[in-house]
All heavy atoms as atom14 arrays in JSON, in Angstrom:
{
  "sequence": "ELDVQKIKNMGVYNNEMNMVAGYEVKPTFYLVDSNGTVLWCDDHL",
  "atom14_mask": [
    [1, 1, 1, 1, 1, 1, 1, 1, 1, 0, 0, 0, 0, 0],
    [1, 1, 1, 1, 1, 1, 1, 1, 0, 0, 0, 0, 0, 0],
    [1, 1, 1, 1, 1, 1, 1, 1, 0, 0, 0, 0, 0, 0],
    [1, 1, 1, 1, 1, 1, 1, 0, 0, 0, 0, 0, 0, 0],
    [1, 1, 1, 1, 1, 1, 1, 1, 1, 0, 0, 0, 0, 0],
    [1, 1, 1, 1, 1, 1, 1, 1, 1, 0, 0, 0, 0, 0],
    [1, 1, 1, 1, 1, 1, 1, 1, 0, 0, 0, 0, 0, 0],
    [1, 1, 1, 1, 1, 1, 1, 1, 1, 0, 0, 0, 0, 0],
    [1, 1, 1, 1, 1, 1, 1, 1, 0, 0, 0, 0, 0, 0],
    [1, 1, 1, 1, 1, 1, 1, 1, 0, 0, 0, 0, 0, 0],
    [1, 1, 1, 1, 0, 0, 0, 0, 0, 0, 0, 0, 0, 0],
    [1, 1, 1, 1, 1, 1, 1, 0, 0, 0, 0, 0, 0, 0],
    [1, 1, 1, 1, 1, 1, 1, 1, 1, 1, 1, 1, 0, 0],
    [1, 1, 1, 1, 1, 1, 1, 1, 0, 0, 0, 0, 0, 0],
    [1, 1, 1, 1, 1, 1, 1, 1, 0, 0, 0, 0, 0, 0],
    [1, 1, 1, 1, 1, 1, 1, 1, 1, 0, 0, 0, 0, 0],
    [1, 1, 1, 1, 1, 1, 1, 1, 0, 0, 0, 0, 0, 0],
    [1, 1, 1, 1, 1, 1, 1, 1, 0, 0, 0, 0, 0, 0],
    [1, 1, 1, 1, 1, 1, 1, 1, 0, 0, 0, 0, 0, 0],
    [1, 1, 1, 1, 1, 1, 1, 0, 0, 0, 0, 0, 0, 0],
    [1, 1, 1, 1, 1, 0, 0, 0, 0, 0, 0, 0, 0, 0],
    [1, 1, 1, 1, 0, 0, 0, 0, 0, 0, 0, 0, 0, 0],
    [1, 1, 1, 1, 1, 1, 1, 1, 1, 1, 1, 1, 0, 0],
    [1, 1, 1, 1, 1, 1, 1, 1, 1, 0, 0, 0, 0, 0],
    [1, 1, 1, 1, 1, 1, 1, 0, 0, 0, 0, 0, 0, 0],
    [1, 1, 1, 1, 1, 1, 1, 1, 1, 0, 0, 0, 0, 0],
    [1, 1, 1, 1, 1, 1, 1, 0, 0, 0, 0, 0, 0, 0],
    [1, 1, 1, 1, 1, 1, 1, 0, 0, 0, 0, 0, 0, 0],
    [1, 1, 1, 1, 1, 1, 1, 1, 1, 1, 1, 0, 0, 0],
    [1, 1, 1, 1, 1, 1, 1, 1, 1, 1, 1, 1, 0, 0],
    [1, 1, 1, 1, 1, 1, 1, 1, 0, 0, 0, 0, 0, 0],
    [1, 1, 1, 1, 1, 1, 1, 0, 0, 0, 0, 0, 0, 0],
    [1, 1, 1, 1, 1, 1, 1, 1, 0, 0, 0, 0, 0, 0],
    [1, 1, 1, 1, 1, 1, 0, 0, 0, 0, 0, 0, 0, 0],
    [1, 1, 1, 1, 1, 1, 1, 1, 0, 0, 0, 0, 0, 0],
    [1, 1, 1, 1, 0, 0, 0, 0, 0, 0, 0, 0, 0, 0],
    [1, 1, 1, 1, 1, 1, 1, 0, 0, 0, 0, 0, 0, 0],
    [1, 1, 1, 1, 1, 1, 1, 0, 0, 0, 0, 0, 0, 0],
    [1, 1, 1, 1, 1, 1, 1, 1, 0, 0, 0, 0, 0, 0],
    [1, 1, 1, 1, 1, 1, 1, 1, 1, 1, 1, 1, 1, 1],
    [1, 1, 1, 1, 1, 1, 0, 0, 0, 0, 0, 0, 0, 0],
    [1, 1, 1, 1, 1, 1, 1, 1, 0, 0, 0, 0, 0, 0],
    [1, 1, 1, 1, 1, 1, 1, 1, 0, 0, 0, 0, 0, 0],
    [1, 1, 1, 1, 1, 1, 1, 1, 1, 1, 0, 0, 0, 0],
    [1, 1, 1, 1, 1, 1, 1, 1, 0, 0, 0, 0, 0, 0]
  ],
  "atom14_positions": [
    [[30.15, 59.69, -25.68], [28.69, 59.54, -25.73], [28.17, 59.3, -27.15], [27.1, 59.77, -27.54], [28.01, 60.74, -25.08], [28.43, 60.93, -23.63], [27.77, 62.12, -22.95], [26.85, 62.72, -23.54], [28.2, 62.45, -21.82], [0.0, 0.0, 0.0], [0.0, 0.0, 0.0], [0.0, 0.0, 0.0], [0.0, 0.0, 0.0], [0.0, 0.0, 0.0]],
    [[28.93, 58.55, -27.94], [28.45, 58.14, -29.26], [27.18, 57.31, -29.14], [27.07, 56.47, -28.25], [29.51, 57.31, -29.98], [30.7, 58.03, -30.61], [31.71, 56.99, -31.07], [30.24, 58.89, -31.78], [0.0, 0.0, 0.0], [0.0, 0.0, 0.0], [0.0, 0.0, 0.0], [0.0, 0.0, 0.0], [0.0, 0.0, 0.0], [0.0, 0.0, 0.0]],
    [[26.24, 57.5, -30.07], [25.05, 56.65, -30.06], [25.32, 55.38, -30.86], [26.28, 55.28, -31.63], [23.82, 57.39, -30.57], [23.92, 57.83, -32.01], [24.37, 57.03, -32.86], [23.54, 58.98, -32.3], [0.0, 0.0, 0.0], [0.0, 0.0, 0.0], [0.0, 0.0, 0.0], [0.0, 0.0, 0.0], [0.0, 0.0, 0.0], [0.0, 0.0, 0.0]],
    [[24.46, 54.4, -30.69], [24.68, 53.08, -31.27], [24.74, 53.13, -32.8], [25.56, 52.45, -33.42], [23.58, 52.1, -30.8], [23.62, 50.8, -31.62], [23.75, 51.78, -29.33], [0.0, 0.0, 0.0], [0.0, 0.0, 0.0], [0.0, 0.0, 0.0], [0.0, 0.0, 0.0], [0.0, 0.0, 0.0], [0.0, 0.0, 0.0], [0.0, 0.0, 0.0]],
    [[23.9, 53.94, -33.43], [23.9, 53.97, -34.88], [25.23, 54.47, -35.44], [25.73, 53.96, -36.44], [22.75, 54.85, -35.4], [22.55, 54.75, -36.92], [22.35, 53.31, -37.38], [21.47, 52.61, -36.89], [23.17, 52.85, -38.31], [0.0, 0.0, 0.0], [0.0, 0.0, 0.0], [0.0, 0.0, 0.0], [0.0, 0.0, 0.0], [0.0, 0.0, 0.0]],
    [[25.82, 55.46, -34.78], [27.13, 55.95, -35.24], [28.2, 54.88, -35.07], [29.09, 54.73, -35.91], [27.52, 57.22, -34.47], [26.71, 58.46, -34.85], [27.25, 59.7, -34.15], [26.54, 60.97, -34.63], [25.15, 61.03, -34.18], [0.0, 0.0, 0.0], [0.0, 0.0, 0.0], [0.0, 0.0, 0.0], [0.0, 0.0, 0.0], [0.0, 0.0, 0.0]],
    [[28.11, 54.13, -33.99], [29.05, 53.03, -33.77], [28.92, 52.0, -34.89], [29.92, 51.51, -35.44], [28.8, 52.38, -32.4], [29.11, 53.37, -31.27], [29.64, 51.11, -32.23], [28.64, 52.92, -29.91], [0.0, 0.0, 0.0], [0.0, 0.0, 0.0], [0.0, 0.0, 0.0], [0.0, 0.0, 0.0], [0.0, 0.0, 0.0], [0.0, 0.0, 0.0]],
    [[27.69, 51.68, -35.26], [27.47, 50.72, -36.35], [27.98, 51.26, -37.67], [28.58, 50.52, -38.46], [25.98, 50.39, -36.44], [25.46, 49.58, -35.27], [23.98, 49.25, -35.43], [23.5, 48.38, -34.29], [22.07, 48.01, -34.43], [0.0, 0.0, 0.0], [0.0, 0.0, 0.0], [0.0, 0.0, 0.0], [0.0, 0.0, 0.0], [0.0, 0.0, 0.0]],
    [[27.77, 52.55, -37.93], [28.22, 53.14, -39.19], [29.74, 53.06, -39.34], [30.25, 52.99, -40.47], [27.78, 54.61, -39.27], [26.28, 54.77, -39.42], [25.57, 53.82, -39.76], [25.79, 55.97, -39.16], [0.0, 0.0, 0.0], [0.0, 0.0, 0.0], [0.0, 0.0, 0.0], [0.0, 0.0, 0.0], [0.0, 0.0, 0.0], [0.0, 0.0, 0.0]],
    [[30.46, 53.08, -38.22], [31.92, 53.02, -38.27], [32.44, 51.59, -38.32], [33.65, 51.36, -38.35], [32.5, 53.75, -37.06], [32.29, 55.25, -37.09], [33.1, 56.13, -35.74], [32.08, 55.59, -34.35], [0.0, 0.0, 0.0], [0.0, 0.0, 0.0], [0.0, 0.0, 0.0], [0.0, 0.0, 0.0], [0.0, 0.0, 0.0], [0.0, 0.0, 0.0]],
    [[31.54, 50.62, -38.31], [31.95, 49.23, -38.42], [32.59, 48.64, -37.18], [33.36, 47.68, -37.27], [0.0, 0.0, 0.0], [0.0, 0.0, 0.0], [0.0, 0.0, 0.0], [0.0, 0.0, 0.0], [0.0, 0.0, 0.0], [0.0, 0.0, 0.0], [0.0, 0.0, 0.0], [0.0, 0.0, 0.0], [0.0, 0.0, 0.0], [0.0, 0.0, 0.0]],
    [[32.27, 49.2, -36.02], [32.92, 48.73, -34.79], [31.89, 48.32, -33.74], [32.19, 48.3, -32.55], [33.87, 49.8, -34.21], [35.01, 50.07, -35.17], [33.12, 51.11, -33.89], [0.0, 0.0, 0.0], [0.0, 0.0, 0.0], [0.0, 0.0, 0.0], [0.0, 0.0, 0.0], [0.0, 0.0, 0.0], [0.0, 0.0, 0.0], [0.0, 0.0, 0.0]],
    [[30.69, 47.98, -34.18], [29.67, 47.55, -33.22], [30.01, 46.15, -32.72], [30.31, 45.24, -33.5], [28.29, 47.56, -33.86], [27.16, 47.23, -32.91], [26.92, 48.02, -31.8], [26.33, 46.13, -33.14], [25.89, 47.74, -30.93], [25.28, 45.84, -32.27], [25.07, 46.64, -31.17], [24.04, 46.35, -30.31], [0.0, 0.0, 0.0], [0.0, 0.0, 0.0]],
    [[29.96, 45.96, -31.43], [30.39, 44.72, -30.8], [29.25, 43.69, -30.86], [28.52, 43.5, -29.9], [30.8, 45.0, -29.34], [31.51, 43.83, -28.7], [31.7, 42.79, -29.31], [31.91, 44.01, -27.46], [0.0, 0.0, 0.0], [0.0, 0.0, 0.0], [0.0, 0.0, 0.0], [0.0, 0.0, 0.0], [0.0, 0.0, 0.0], [0.0, 0.0, 0.0]],
    [[29.12, 43.04, -32.0], [28.04, 42.07, -32.18], [28.09, 40.92, -31.18], [27.07, 40.34, -30.83], [28.08, 41.51, -33.61], [27.73, 42.54, -34.66], [26.74, 43.26, -34.54], [28.56, 42.64, -35.69], [0.0, 0.0, 0.0], [0.0, 0.0, 0.0], [0.0, 0.0, 0.0], [0.0, 0.0, 0.0], [0.0, 0.0, 0.0], [0.0, 0.0, 0.0]],
    [[29.31, 40.58, -30.73], [29.44, 39.47, -29.79], [28.8, 39.77, -28.43], [28.41, 38.87, -27.71], [30.92, 39.13, -29.58], [31.6, 38.49, -30.78], [32.12, 39.53, -31.76], [31.78, 40.73, -31.6], [32.85, 39.15, -32.69], [0.0, 0.0, 0.0], [0.0, 0.0, 0.0], [0.0, 0.0, 0.0], [0.0, 0.0, 0.0], [0.0, 0.0, 0.0]],
    [[28.72, 41.07, -28.07], [28.15, 41.45, -26.77], [27.02, 42.47, -26.96], [26.88, 43.42, -26.2], [29.24, 42.05, -25.88], [30.22, 41.04, -25.34], [29.42, 39.77, -24.34], [28.67, 40.78, -23.07], [0.0, 0.0, 0.0], [0.0, 0.0, 0.0], [0.0, 0.0, 0.0], [0.0, 0.0, 0.0], [0.0, 0.0, 0.0], [0.0, 0.0, 0.0]],
    [[26.21, 42.26, -28.0], [25.25, 43.3, -28.38], [24.02, 43.36, -27.48], [23.11, 44.14, -27.77], [24.82, 43.12, -29.84], [24.07, 41.81, -30.08], [23.79, 41.06, -29.17], [23.77, 41.56, -31.35], [0.0, 0.0, 0.0], [0.0, 0.0, 0.0], [0.0, 0.0, 0.0], [0.0, 0.0, 0.0], [0.0, 0.0, 0.0], [0.0, 0.0, 0.0]],
    [[23.97, 42.58, -26.41], [22.84, 42.68, -25.5], [23.18, 43.44, -24.22], [22.29, 43.68, -23.39], [22.29, 41.29, -25.14], [21.57, 40.58, -26.28], [20.7, 39.12, -25.71], [19.44, 39.85, -24.66], [0.0, 0.0, 0.0], [0.0, 0.0, 0.0], [0.0, 0.0, 0.0], [0.0, 0.0, 0.0], [0.0, 0.0, 0.0], [0.0, 0.0, 0.0]],
    [[24.44, 43.8, -24.03], [24.85, 44.39, -22.77], [25.24, 45.85, -22.97], [26.18, 46.15, -23.72], [26.02, 43.6, -22.14], [26.37, 44.19, -20.77], [25.66, 42.13, -22.01], [0.0, 0.0, 0.0], [0.0, 0.0, 0.0], [0.0, 0.0, 0.0], [0.0, 0.0, 0.0], [0.0, 0.0, 0.0], [0.0, 0.0, 0.0], [0.0, 0.0, 0.0]],
    [[24.54, 46.76, -22.33], [24.84, 48.18, -22.45], [26.22, 48.49, -21.89], [26.61, 47.96, -20.86], [23.79, 49.01, -21.72], [0.0, 0.0, 0.0], [0.0, 0.0, 0.0], [0.0, 0.0, 0.0], [0.0, 0.0, 0.0], [0.0, 0.0, 0.0], [0.0, 0.0, 0.0], [0.0, 0.0, 0.0], [0.0, 0.0, 0.0], [0.0, 0.0, 0.0]],
    [[26.96, 49.36, -22.59], [28.29, 49.74, -22.17], [29.39, 49.02, -22.92], [30.55, 49.42, -22.88], [0.0, 0.0, 0.0], [0.0, 0.0, 0.0], [0.0, 0.0, 0.0], [0.0, 0.0, 0.0], [0.0, 0.0, 0.0], [0.0, 0.0, 0.0], [0.0, 0.0, 0.0], [0.0, 0.0, 0.0], [0.0, 0.0, 0.0], [0.0, 0.0, 0.0]],
    [[29.04, 47.94, -23.62], [30.02, 47.12, -24.33], [29.84, 47.21, -25.85], [30.29, 46.35, -26.59], [29.9, 45.65, -23.9], [30.3, 45.4, -22.48], [29.41, 45.66, -21.43], [31.57, 44.92, -22.16], [29.78, 45.45, -20.11], [31.94, 44.69, -20.85], [31.03, 44.97, -19.82], [31.4, 44.75, -18.51], [0.0, 0.0, 0.0], [0.0, 0.0, 0.0]],
    [[29.21, 48.29, -26.31], [28.84, 48.37, -27.73], [30.03, 48.56, -28.67], [29.98, 48.13, -29.83], [27.84, 49.51, -27.96], [26.48, 49.28, -27.34], [26.39, 49.78, -25.89], [27.46, 50.1, -25.31], [25.28, 49.84, -25.36], [0.0, 0.0, 0.0], [0.0, 0.0, 0.0], [0.0, 0.0, 0.0], [0.0, 0.0, 0.0], [0.0, 0.0, 0.0]],
    [[31.08, 49.23, -28.22], [32.22, 49.53, -29.1], [33.23, 48.38, -29.08], [33.69, 47.96, -28.02], [32.93, 50.83, -28.69], [34.2, 51.04, -29.51], [32.0, 52.02, -28.87], [0.0, 0.0, 0.0], [0.0, 0.0, 0.0], [0.0, 0.0, 0.0], [0.0, 0.0, 0.0], [0.0, 0.0, 0.0], [0.0, 0.0, 0.0], [0.0, 0.0, 0.0]],
    [[33.57, 47.89, -30.27], [34.61, 46.87, -30.41], [35.93, 47.6, -30.64], [36.12, 48.22, -31.69], [34.28, 45.96, -31.59], [35.08, 44.68, -31.65], [34.49, 43.75, -32.71], [35.15, 42.38, -32.66], [34.53, 41.46, -33.63], [0.0, 0.0, 0.0], [0.0, 0.0, 0.0], [0.0, 0.0, 0.0], [0.0, 0.0, 0.0], [0.0, 0.0, 0.0]],
    [[36.86, 47.57, -29.68], [38.08, 48.36, -29.8], [38.8, 48.15, -31.13], [39.08, 47.01, -31.53], [38.92, 47.88, -28.62], [37.89, 47.5, -27.6], [36.78, 46.88, -28.39], [0.0, 0.0, 0.0], [0.0, 0.0, 0.0], [0.0, 0.0, 0.0], [0.0, 0.0, 0.0], [0.0, 0.0, 0.0], [0.0, 0.0, 0.0], [0.0, 0.0, 0.0]],
    [[39.09, 49.26, -31.8], [39.62, 49.23, -33.16], [40.49, 50.46, -33.4], [40.17, 51.54, -32.92], [38.46, 49.24, -34.19], [37.55, 48.17, -33.91], [38.98, 49.12, -35.62], [0.0, 0.0, 0.0], [0.0, 0.0, 0.0], [0.0, 0.0, 0.0], [0.0, 0.0, 0.0], [0.0, 0.0, 0.0], [0.0, 0.0, 0.0], [0.0, 0.0, 0.0]],
    [[41.55, 50.29, -34.17], [42.32, 51.41, -34.71], [42.09, 51.49, -36.21], [42.16, 50.48, -36.91], [43.83, 51.24, -34.48], [44.29, 51.59, -33.1], [44.86, 50.62, -32.28], [44.19, 52.89, -32.62], [45.32, 50.93, -31.01], [44.63, 53.21, -31.34], [45.2, 52.22, -30.53], [0.0, 0.0, 0.0], [0.0, 0.0, 0.0], [0.0, 0.0, 0.0]],
    [[41.79, 52.71, -36.69], [41.8, 52.99, -38.12], [42.89, 54.02, -38.4], [43.18, 54.88, -37.57], [40.47, 53.62, -38.58], [39.3, 52.68, -38.69], [38.11, 52.94, -37.99], [39.33, 51.56, -39.52], [37.01, 52.11, -38.09], [38.23, 50.72, -39.64], [37.08, 51.0, -38.92], [35.98, 50.17, -39.04], [0.0, 0.0, 0.0], [0.0, 0.0, 0.0]],
    [[43.44, 53.97, -39.61], [44.27, 55.05, -40.13], [43.6, 55.53, -41.41], [43.33, 54.73, -42.31], [45.68, 54.56, -40.43], [46.68, 55.61, -40.94], [46.98, 56.64, -39.84], [47.98, 54.97, -41.42], [0.0, 0.0, 0.0], [0.0, 0.0, 0.0], [0.0, 0.0, 0.0], [0.0, 0.0, 0.0], [0.0, 0.0, 0.0], [0.0, 0.0, 0.0]],
    [[43.29, 56.83, -41.47], [42.59, 57.38, -42.63], [43.35, 58.6, -43.15], [44.14, 59.22, -42.42], [41.13, 57.77, -42.29], [40.38, 56.59, -41.71], [41.08, 58.93, -41.3], [0.0, 0.0, 0.0], [0.0, 0.0, 0.0], [0.0, 0.0, 0.0], [0.0, 0.0, 0.0], [0.0, 0.0, 0.0], [0.0, 0.0, 0.0], [0.0, 0.0, 0.0]],
    [[43.1, 58.93, -44.43], [43.77, 60.09, -45.0], [42.91, 61.34, -44.85], [41.84, 61.31, -44.23], [44.17, 59.84, -46.46], [42.97, 59.71, -47.4], [41.84, 60.06, -47.02], [43.18, 59.26, -48.54], [0.0, 0.0, 0.0], [0.0, 0.0, 0.0], [0.0, 0.0, 0.0], [0.0, 0.0, 0.0], [0.0, 0.0, 0.0], [0.0, 0.0, 0.0]],
    [[43.37, 62.45, -45.41], [42.68, 63.73, -45.21], [41.32, 63.77, -45.88], [40.5, 64.64, -45.57], [43.55, 64.88, -45.73], [43.86, 64.68, -47.1], [0.0, 0.0, 0.0], [0.0, 0.0, 0.0], [0.0, 0.0, 0.0], [0.0, 0.0, 0.0], [0.0, 0.0, 0.0], [0.0, 0.0, 0.0], [0.0, 0.0, 0.0], [0.0, 0.0, 0.0]],
    [[41.07, 62.83, -46.79], [39.75, 62.74, -47.44], [38.82, 61.78, -46.72], [37.69, 61.55, -47.18], [39.91, 62.31, -48.9], [40.65, 63.35, -49.73], [40.37, 64.54, -49.64], [41.61, 62.88, -50.52], [0.0, 0.0, 0.0], [0.0, 0.0, 0.0], [0.0, 0.0, 0.0], [0.0, 0.0, 0.0], [0.0, 0.0, 0.0], [0.0, 0.0, 0.0]],
    [[39.3, 61.19, -45.63], [38.49, 60.24, -44.89], [38.54, 58.83, -45.44], [37.75, 57.97, -45.04], [0.0, 0.0, 0.0], [0.0, 0.0, 0.0], [0.0, 0.0, 0.0], [0.0, 0.0, 0.0], [0.0, 0.0, 0.0], [0.0, 0.0, 0.0], [0.0, 0.0, 0.0], [0.0, 0.0, 0.0], [0.0, 0.0, 0.0], [0.0, 0.0, 0.0]],
    [[39.48, 58.56, -46.33], [39.61, 57.22, -46.91], [40.39, 56.31, -45.96], [41.47, 56.66, -45.5], [40.34, 57.28, -48.26], [39.63, 58.16, -49.14], [40.42, 55.9, -48.9], [0.0, 0.0, 0.0], [0.0, 0.0, 0.0], [0.0, 0.0, 0.0], [0.0, 0.0, 0.0], [0.0, 0.0, 0.0], [0.0, 0.0, 0.0], [0.0, 0.0, 0.0]],
    [[39.83, 55.14, -45.69], [40.49, 54.19, -44.79], [41.71, 53.6, -45.48], [41.63, 53.06, -46.59], [39.51, 53.06, -44.39], [40.25, 51.99, -43.57], [38.35, 53.64, -43.58], [0.0, 0.0, 0.0], [0.0, 0.0, 0.0], [0.0, 0.0, 0.0], [0.0, 0.0, 0.0], [0.0, 0.0, 0.0], [0.0, 0.0, 0.0], [0.0, 0.0, 0.0]],
    [[42.86, 53.72, -44.82], [44.12, 53.19, -45.33], [44.53, 51.9, -44.63], [45.28, 51.09, -45.2], [45.23, 54.23, -45.13], [44.99, 55.6, -45.77], [46.07, 56.59, -45.33], [44.95, 55.49, -47.29], [0.0, 0.0, 0.0], [0.0, 0.0, 0.0], [0.0, 0.0, 0.0], [0.0, 0.0, 0.0], [0.0, 0.0, 0.0], [0.0, 0.0, 0.0]],
    [[44.05, 51.73, -43.4], [44.5, 50.58, -42.59], [43.56, 50.4, -41.42], [42.97, 51.37, -40.92], [45.93, 50.83, -42.1], [46.48, 49.8, -41.15], [47.07, 48.61, -41.47], [46.51, 49.88, -39.71], [47.45, 47.96, -40.33], [47.13, 48.71, -39.24], [46.07, 50.84, -38.8], [47.33, 48.47, -37.89], [46.26, 50.59, -37.45], [46.89, 49.43, -37.0]],
    [[43.41, 49.15, -41.0], [42.65, 48.81, -39.79], [43.42, 47.73, -39.05], [44.05, 46.87, -39.68], [41.26, 48.31, -40.18], [40.29, 47.68, -38.8], [0.0, 0.0, 0.0], [0.0, 0.0, 0.0], [0.0, 0.0, 0.0], [0.0, 0.0, 0.0], [0.0, 0.0, 0.0], [0.0, 0.0, 0.0], [0.0, 0.0, 0.0], [0.0, 0.0, 0.0]],
    [[43.37, 47.77, -37.72], [44.16, 46.81, -36.94], [43.46, 45.48, -36.69], [44.03, 44.6, -36.04], [44.57, 47.43, -35.6], [43.42, 47.46, -34.59], [42.25, 47.52, -35.01], [43.7, 47.44, -33.38], [0.0, 0.0, 0.0], [0.0, 0.0, 0.0], [0.0, 0.0, 0.0], [0.0, 0.0, 0.0], [0.0, 0.0, 0.0], [0.0, 0.0, 0.0]],
    [[42.23, 45.33, -37.19], [41.5, 44.06, -37.01], [41.3, 43.73, -35.54], [41.43, 42.58, -35.12], [42.21, 42.92, -37.75], [41.33, 41.69, -37.9], [40.09, 41.84, -37.93], [41.88, 40.57, -37.97], [0.0, 0.0, 0.0], [0.0, 0.0, 0.0], [0.0, 0.0, 0.0], [0.0, 0.0, 0.0], [0.0, 0.0, 0.0], [0.0, 0.0, 0.0]],
    [[41.04, 44.75, -34.74], [40.65, 44.58, -33.33], [41.74, 43.89, -32.49], [41.46, 42.97, -31.71], [39.35, 43.78, -33.21], [38.31, 44.13, -34.23], [37.76, 45.39, -34.34], [37.72, 43.38, -35.19], [36.88, 45.4, -35.32], [36.85, 44.21, -35.86], [0.0, 0.0, 0.0], [0.0, 0.0, 0.0], [0.0, 0.0, 0.0], [0.0, 0.0, 0.0]],
    [[42.97, 44.33, -32.63], [44.07, 43.67, -31.91], [43.86, 43.68, -30.4], [44.14, 42.69, -29.72], [45.4, 44.35, -32.26], [45.93, 44.09, -33.67], [47.19, 44.91, -33.92], [46.2, 42.61, -33.9], [0.0, 0.0, 0.0], [0.0, 0.0, 0.0], [0.0, 0.0, 0.0], [0.0, 0.0, 0.0], [0.0, 0.0, 0.0], [0.0, 0.0, 0.0]]
  ]
}
């Protein structure tokens, strides 16, 4: 139940389908360290 603003803050908002409710999250994997630093992203495989 994430809200849209949190989805946008994480960089995974589905701009391609941004008019249809339920499709807001663009599937993504991140790998981050213990400080929250992004080490890797899968580029929406």
